[in-house]
Amino acid sequence: MVAASVSRVIRAKRKTETVIEKISVLKSLDSLKRCDLAILLIDGPEGMSHQDRQVLRYIMNEERAVVVAANKADLLQGDEERRKCLRGIQEGLEYASFAPVVPTVAKTGKGIPVLFRKIDEAIANFRRRVPTGQLNRMAQTFLFAVPIPSQRGRNRAFYITQIGASPPSFAVFVKDRRGIPDSYTRYL
């Protein structure tokens, strides 16, 4: 069974005005801890707002699968404007660039079947297991492109293996793990 969370509005604590709104924010954050997948619903024509990025950070910190639903897609005039808007949203995802962006229209239901297909794909990827041999072939490519930084001469990776799923977790065995920056770990 897949649990999904859709948070309406999660605003900064200092900007929440009523007790009900504060409770709603706490419930949304709590449901995020219990779900497998979060749907980030944004205003498509507006693009990724600061608050949308903050909610995305919450989702990523909880290590959940995510699909972005860009609502009000019917307000985008023409294919060029639509492509430009979706490209802007995708770029705004930054560290979550893997998340699919699905244009939707809540009033008519347009895009909802595609949204559900993307949810199924995201859950499958969230639970995927990758064989060690395949991981090591892939690792050769990205470790060659961006070598492991080291303060003590040349560092190298011996192999990589998957140690968990939901979310997928990996272990990389290296010559010397000291001094490897967090930014490189995130890159991997």
C-alpha atoms as a PDB file:
ATOM      1  CA  MET A   1       0.000   0.000   0.000  1.00  0.00           C
ATOM      2  CA  VAL A   2       1.254   3.458  -0.862  1.00  0.00           C
ATOM      3  CA  ALA A   3       0.733   6.348   1.486  1.00  0.00           C
ATOM      4  CA  ALA A   4       0.687   9.748  -0.154  1.00  0.00           C
ATOM      5  CA  SER A   5       0.753  13.200   1.315  1.00  0.00           C
ATOM      6  CA  VAL A   6      -0.519  16.350  -0.297  1.00  0.00           C
ATOM      7  CA  SER A   7       0.199  19.438   1.775  1.00  0.00           C
ATOM      8  CA  ARG A   8      -1.976  22.410   1.007  1.00  0.00           C
ATOM      9  CA  VAL A   9      -0.073  25.305   2.471  1.00  0.00           C
ATOM     10  CA  ILE A  10       2.866  24.992   4.818  1.00  0.00           C
ATOM     11  CA  ARG A  11       3.889  28.462   5.801  1.00  0.00           C
ATOM     12  CA  ALA A  12       6.624  29.601   8.134  1.00  0.00           C
ATOM     13  CA  LYS A  13       5.644  29.344  11.808  1.00  0.00           C
ATOM     14  CA  ARG A  14       5.903  33.088  12.298  1.00  0.00           C
ATOM     15  CA  LYS A  15       3.432  33.648   9.445  1.00  0.00           C
ATOM     16  CA  THR A  16       0.756  31.233  10.628  1.00  0.00           C
ATOM     17  CA  GLU A  17      -2.059  33.271  12.066  1.00  0.00           C
ATOM     18  CA  THR A  18      -4.701  30.978  13.542  1.00  0.00           C
ATOM     19  CA  VAL A  19      -4.522  27.954  15.799  1.00  0.00           C
ATOM     20  CA  ILE A  20      -6.232  25.872  13.106  1.00  0.00           C
ATOM     21  CA  GLU A  21      -3.601  26.865  10.561  1.00  0.00           C
ATOM     22  CA  LYS A  22      -0.797  25.957  12.985  1.00  0.00           C
ATOM     23  CA  ILE A  23      -2.373  22.567  13.646  1.00  0.00           C
ATOM     24  CA  SER A  24      -2.824  22.044   9.890  1.00  0.00           C
ATOM     25  CA  VAL A  25       0.878  22.714   9.282  1.00  0.00           C
ATOM     26  CA  LEU A  26       1.885  20.302  12.062  1.00  0.00           C
ATOM     27  CA  LYS A  27      -0.451  17.611  10.686  1.00  0.00           C
ATOM     28  CA  SER A  28       0.946  18.081   7.174  1.00  0.00           C
ATOM     29  CA  LEU A  29       4.525  17.723   8.409  1.00  0.00           C
ATOM     30  CA  ASP A  30       3.534  14.686  10.476  1.00  0.00           C
ATOM     31  CA  SER A  31       1.856  13.024   7.486  1.00  0.00           C
ATOM     32  CA  LEU A  32       5.035  13.643   5.483  1.00  0.00           C
ATOM     33  CA  LYS A  33       6.948  11.496   7.985  1.00  0.00           C
ATOM     34  CA  ARG A  34       4.506   8.612   7.486  1.00  0.00           C
ATOM     35  CA  CYS A  35       4.137   8.617   3.694  1.00  0.00           C
ATOM     36  CA  ASP A  36       6.100   6.948   0.923  1.00  0.00           C
ATOM     37  CA  LEU A  37       5.375   9.612  -1.666  1.00  0.00           C
ATOM     38  CA  ALA A  38       4.560  13.312  -1.515  1.00  0.00           C
ATOM     39  CA  ILE A  39       2.785  15.258  -4.215  1.00  0.00           C
ATOM     40  CA  LEU A  40       4.026  18.830  -4.328  1.00  0.00           C
ATOM     41  CA  LEU A  41       1.124  20.833  -5.722  1.00  0.00           C
ATOM     42  CA  ILE A  42       2.232  24.163  -7.134  1.00  0.00           C
ATOM     43  CA  ASP A  43       0.645  26.982  -9.103  1.00  0.00           C
ATOM     44  CA  GLY A  44       1.962  26.151 -12.595  1.00  0.00           C
ATOM     45  CA  PRO A  45       1.924  29.622 -14.170  1.00  0.00           C
ATOM     46  CA  GLU A  46       3.553  31.085 -11.044  1.00  0.00           C
ATOM     47  CA  GLY A  47       6.368  28.531 -11.071  1.00  0.00           C
ATOM     48  CA  MET A  48       8.365  27.421  -8.035  1.00  0.00           C
ATOM     49  CA  SER A  49       7.903  29.919  -5.227  1.00  0.00           C
ATOM     50  CA  HIS A  50      10.156  30.262  -2.196  1.00  0.00           C
ATOM     51  CA  GLN A  51       7.558  28.443  -0.119  1.00  0.00           C
ATOM     52  CA  ASP A  52       7.318  25.622  -2.687  1.00  0.00           C
ATOM     53  CA  ARG A  53      11.082  25.156  -2.373  1.00  0.00           C
ATOM     54  CA  GLN A  54      10.765  25.080   1.420  1.00  0.00           C
ATOM     55  CA  VAL A  55       8.114  22.348   1.248  1.00  0.00           C
ATOM     56  CA  LEU A  56      10.346  20.464  -1.200  1.00  0.00           C
ATOM     57  CA  ARG A  57      13.170  20.700   1.361  1.00  0.00           C
ATOM     58  CA  TYR A  58      10.876  19.119   3.960  1.00  0.00           C
ATOM     59  CA  ILE A  59      10.084  16.312   1.525  1.00  0.00           C
ATOM     60  CA  MET A  60      13.745  15.728   0.693  1.00  0.00           C
ATOM     61  CA  ASN A  61      14.782  15.837   4.363  1.00  0.00           C
ATOM     62  CA  GLU A  62      12.268  13.078   5.055  1.00  0.00           C
ATOM     63  CA  GLU A  63      13.701  11.148   2.069  1.00  0.00           C
ATOM     64  CA  ARG A  64      10.368  10.624   0.340  1.00  0.00           C
ATOM     65  CA  ALA A  65       9.543  10.027  -3.289  1.00  0.00           C
ATOM     66  CA  VAL A  66       8.073  13.153  -4.871  1.00  0.00           C
ATOM     67  CA  VAL A  67       5.996  14.112  -7.896  1.00  0.00           C
ATOM     68  CA  VAL A  68       5.303  17.758  -8.740  1.00  0.00           C
ATOM     69  CA  ALA A  69       1.796  18.626  -9.935  1.00  0.00           C
ATOM     70  CA  ALA A  70       1.847  21.988 -11.748  1.00  0.00           C
ATOM     71  CA  ASN A  71      -1.785  23.032 -11.485  1.00  0.00           C
ATOM     72  CA  LYS A  72      -3.618  25.613 -13.611  1.00  0.00           C
ATOM     73  CA  ALA A  73      -1.844  24.453 -16.757  1.00  0.00           C
ATOM     74  CA  ASP A  74      -4.870  25.631 -18.746  1.00  0.00           C
ATOM     75  CA  LEU A  75      -3.796  29.236 -18.092  1.00  0.00           C
ATOM     76  CA  LEU A  76      -0.606  28.725 -20.115  1.00  0.00           C
ATOM     77  CA  GLN A  77      -1.160  30.022 -23.645  1.00  0.00           C
ATOM     78  CA  GLY A  78       0.512  28.023 -26.394  1.00  0.00           C
ATOM     79  CA  ASP A  79       3.095  25.279 -26.506  1.00  0.00           C
ATOM     80  CA  GLU A  80       6.090  27.623 -26.200  1.00  0.00           C
ATOM     81  CA  GLU A  81       4.809  29.246 -22.991  1.00  0.00           C
ATOM     82  CA  ARG A  82       3.984  25.810 -21.595  1.00  0.00           C
ATOM     83  CA  ARG A  83       7.462  24.422 -22.367  1.00  0.00           C
ATOM     84  CA  LYS A  84       9.111  27.517 -20.906  1.00  0.00           C
ATOM     85  CA  CYS A  85       7.033  27.280 -17.719  1.00  0.00           C
ATOM     86  CA  LEU A  86       7.703  23.555 -17.225  1.00  0.00           C
ATOM     87  CA  ARG A  87      11.425  24.057 -17.899  1.00  0.00           C
ATOM     88  CA  GLY A  88      11.491  26.833 -15.278  1.00  0.00           C
ATOM     89  CA  ILE A  89       9.776  24.604 -12.742  1.00  0.00           C
ATOM     90  CA  GLN A  90      12.180  21.736 -13.481  1.00  0.00           C
ATOM     91  CA  GLU A  91      15.169  24.050 -13.019  1.00  0.00           C
ATOM     92  CA  GLY A  92      13.645  25.342  -9.780  1.00  0.00           C
ATOM     93  CA  LEU A  93      13.679  21.837  -8.343  1.00  0.00           C
ATOM     94  CA  GLU A  94      17.487  22.063  -8.084  1.00  0.00           C
ATOM     95  CA  TYR A  95      18.584  19.112  -5.910  1.00  0.00           C
ATOM     96  CA  ALA A  96      15.333  17.244  -6.663  1.00  0.00           C
ATOM     97  CA  SER A  97      15.667  17.500 -10.443  1.00  0.00           C
ATOM     98  CA  PHE A  98      14.759  13.807 -10.710  1.00  0.00           C
ATOM     99  CA  ALA A  99      11.153  14.595  -9.710  1.00  0.00           C
ATOM    100  CA  PRO A 100       8.691  14.501 -12.603  1.00  0.00           C
ATOM    101  CA  VAL A 101       6.639  17.651 -13.245  1.00  0.00           C
ATOM    102  CA  VAL A 102       3.096  16.977 -14.435  1.00  0.00           C
ATOM    103  CA  PRO A 103       0.892  19.805 -15.751  1.00  0.00           C
ATOM    104  CA  THR A 104      -2.634  19.437 -14.377  1.00  0.00           C
ATOM    105  CA  VAL A 105      -5.967  21.255 -14.358  1.00  0.00           C
ATOM    106  CA  ALA A 106      -7.851  20.525 -11.133  1.00  0.00           C
ATOM    107  CA  LYS A 107     -11.139  21.953 -12.421  1.00  0.00           C
ATOM    108  CA  THR A 108     -11.376  19.578 -15.383  1.00  0.00           C
ATOM    109  CA  GLY A 109      -9.168  16.680 -14.269  1.00  0.00           C
ATOM    110  CA  LYS A 110      -6.841  17.150 -17.224  1.00  0.00           C
ATOM    111  CA  GLY A 111      -3.427  15.621 -16.555  1.00  0.00           C
ATOM    112  CA  ILE A 112      -4.619  13.502 -13.602  1.00  0.00           C
ATOM    113  CA  PRO A 113      -4.156  10.145 -15.423  1.00  0.00           C
ATOM    114  CA  VAL A 114      -0.577  11.174 -16.266  1.00  0.00           C
ATOM    115  CA  LEU A 115      -0.071  12.232 -12.634  1.00  0.00           C
ATOM    116  CA  PHE A 116      -1.096   8.767 -11.446  1.00  0.00           C
ATOM    117  CA  ARG A 117       1.274   7.099 -13.942  1.00  0.00           C
ATOM    118  CA  LYS A 118       4.125   9.273 -12.649  1.00  0.00           C
ATOM    119  CA  ILE A 119       3.183   8.375  -9.063  1.00  0.00           C
ATOM    120  CA  ASP A 120       3.421   4.671  -9.950  1.00  0.00           C
ATOM    121  CA  GLU A 121       6.830   5.227 -11.598  1.00  0.00           C
ATOM    122  CA  ALA A 122       8.133   7.241  -8.641  1.00  0.00           C
ATOM    123  CA  ILE A 123       7.074   4.556  -6.158  1.00  0.00           C
ATOM    124  CA  ALA A 124       8.680   1.845  -8.311  1.00  0.00           C
ATOM    125  CA  ASN A 125      11.935   3.842  -8.386  1.00  0.00           C
ATOM    126  CA  PHE A 126      11.681   4.518  -4.642  1.00  0.00           C
ATOM    127  CA  ARG A 127      11.562   0.767  -3.996  1.00  0.00           C
ATOM    128  CA  ARG A 128      13.967  -0.294  -6.765  1.00  0.00           C
ATOM    129  CA  ARG A 129      16.917  -2.569  -6.118  1.00  0.00           C
ATOM    130  CA  VAL A 130      19.923  -2.204  -8.404  1.00  0.00           C
ATOM    131  CA  PRO A 131      22.407  -5.108  -8.731  1.00  0.00           C
ATOM    132  CA  THR A 132      25.939  -4.364  -7.529  1.00  0.00           C
ATOM    133  CA  GLY A 133      27.471  -5.093 -10.939  1.00  0.00           C
ATOM    134  CA  GLN A 134      25.209  -2.578 -12.657  1.00  0.00           C
ATOM    135  CA  LEU A 135      25.902   0.017  -9.954  1.00  0.00           C
ATOM    136  CA  ASN A 136      29.655  -0.396 -10.373  1.00  0.00           C
ATOM    137  CA  ARG A 137      29.453   0.037 -14.147  1.00  0.00           C
ATOM    138  CA  MET A 138      27.435   3.236 -13.637  1.00  0.00           C
ATOM    139  CA  ALA A 139      29.821   4.396 -10.903  1.00  0.00           C
ATOM    140  CA  GLN A 140      32.817   4.100 -13.213  1.00  0.00           C
ATOM    141  CA  THR A 141      31.237   6.707 -15.457  1.00  0.00           C
ATOM    142  CA  PHE A 142      30.420   9.327 -12.855  1.00  0.00           C
ATOM    143  CA  LEU A 143      33.530   8.709 -10.739  1.00  0.00           C
ATOM    144  CA  PHE A 144      35.648   9.174 -13.867  1.00  0.00           C
ATOM    145  CA  ALA A 145      33.794  12.392 -14.762  1.00  0.00           C
ATOM    146  CA  VAL A 146      34.141  13.861 -11.249  1.00  0.00           C
ATOM    147  CA  PRO A 147      36.912  12.114  -9.263  1.00  0.00           C
ATOM    148  CA  ILE A 148      36.683  11.843  -5.481  1.00  0.00           C
ATOM    149  CA  PRO A 149      38.288  14.943  -3.949  1.00  0.00           C
ATOM    150  CA  SER A 150      40.947  14.228  -1.376  1.00  0.00           C
ATOM    151  CA  GLN A 151      43.359  16.228   0.728  1.00  0.00           C
ATOM    152  CA  ARG A 152      45.803  13.325   0.888  1.00  0.00           C
ATOM    153  CA  GLY A 153      46.621  12.560  -2.700  1.00  0.00           C
ATOM    154  CA  ARG A 154      44.613  10.378  -5.019  1.00  0.00           C
ATOM    155  CA  ASN A 155      41.519   8.694  -3.591  1.00  0.00           C
ATOM    156  CA  ARG A 156      39.587   5.975  -5.316  1.00  0.00           C
ATOM    157  CA  ALA A 157      36.397   3.995  -4.943  1.00  0.00           C
ATOM    158  CA  PHE A 158      36.652   0.230  -4.765  1.00  0.00           C
ATOM    159  CA  TYR A 159      32.988  -0.544  -5.309  1.00  0.00           C
ATOM    160  CA  ILE A 160      29.434   0.589  -4.641  1.00  0.00           C
ATOM    161  CA  THR A 161      26.500  -1.478  -3.404  1.00  0.00           C
ATOM    162  CA  GLN A 162      22.885  -0.870  -2.467  1.00  0.00           C
ATOM    163  CA  ILE A 163      22.214  -1.250   1.244  1.00  0.00           C
ATOM    164  CA  GLY A 164      18.530  -0.327   1.348  1.00  0.00           C
ATOM    165  CA  ALA A 165      15.376   0.608  -0.520  1.00  0.00           C
ATOM    166  CA  SER A 166      12.496   2.994   0.259  1.00  0.00           C
ATOM    167  CA  PRO A 167      14.470   5.215  -0.124  1.00  0.00           C
ATOM    168  CA  PRO A 168      17.293   3.647  -2.108  1.00  0.00           C
ATOM    169  CA  SER A 169      20.507   3.818  -0.058  1.00  0.00           C
ATOM    170  CA  PHE A 170      24.007   3.040  -1.239  1.00  0.00           C
ATOM    171  CA  ALA A 171      27.427   2.451   0.279  1.00  0.00           C
ATOM    172  CA  VAL A 172      30.578   3.424  -1.564  1.00  0.00           C
ATOM    173  CA  PHE A 173      33.779   1.766  -0.386  1.00  0.00           C
ATOM    174  CA  VAL A 174      36.724   4.120  -0.852  1.00  0.00           C
ATOM    175  CA  LYS A 175      40.439   4.133  -0.098  1.00  0.00           C
ATOM    176  CA  ASP A 176      40.148   6.987   2.436  1.00  0.00           C
ATOM    177  CA  ARG A 177      36.798   8.423   3.546  1.00  0.00           C
ATOM    178  CA  ARG A 178      38.288  11.278   5.564  1.00  0.00           C
ATOM    179  CA  GLY A 179      38.079  14.661   3.912  1.00  0.00           C
ATOM    180  CA  ILE A 180      35.374  13.791   1.368  1.00  0.00           C
ATOM    181  CA  PRO A 181      33.079  16.843   1.340  1.00  0.00           C
ATOM    182  CA  ASP A 182      29.342  16.488   1.951  1.00  0.00           C
ATOM    183  CA  SER A 183      28.727  18.074  -1.439  1.00  0.00           C
ATOM    184  CA  TYR A 184      30.451  15.118  -3.114  1.00  0.00           C
ATOM    185  CA  THR A 185      28.386  12.658  -1.102  1.00  0.00           C
ATOM    186  CA  ARG A 186      25.211  14.424  -2.264  1.00  0.00           C
ATOM    187  CA  TYR A 187      26.529  14.305  -5.851  1.00  0.00           C
ATOM    188  CA  LEU A 188      26.919  10.542  -5.608  1.00  0.00           C
END
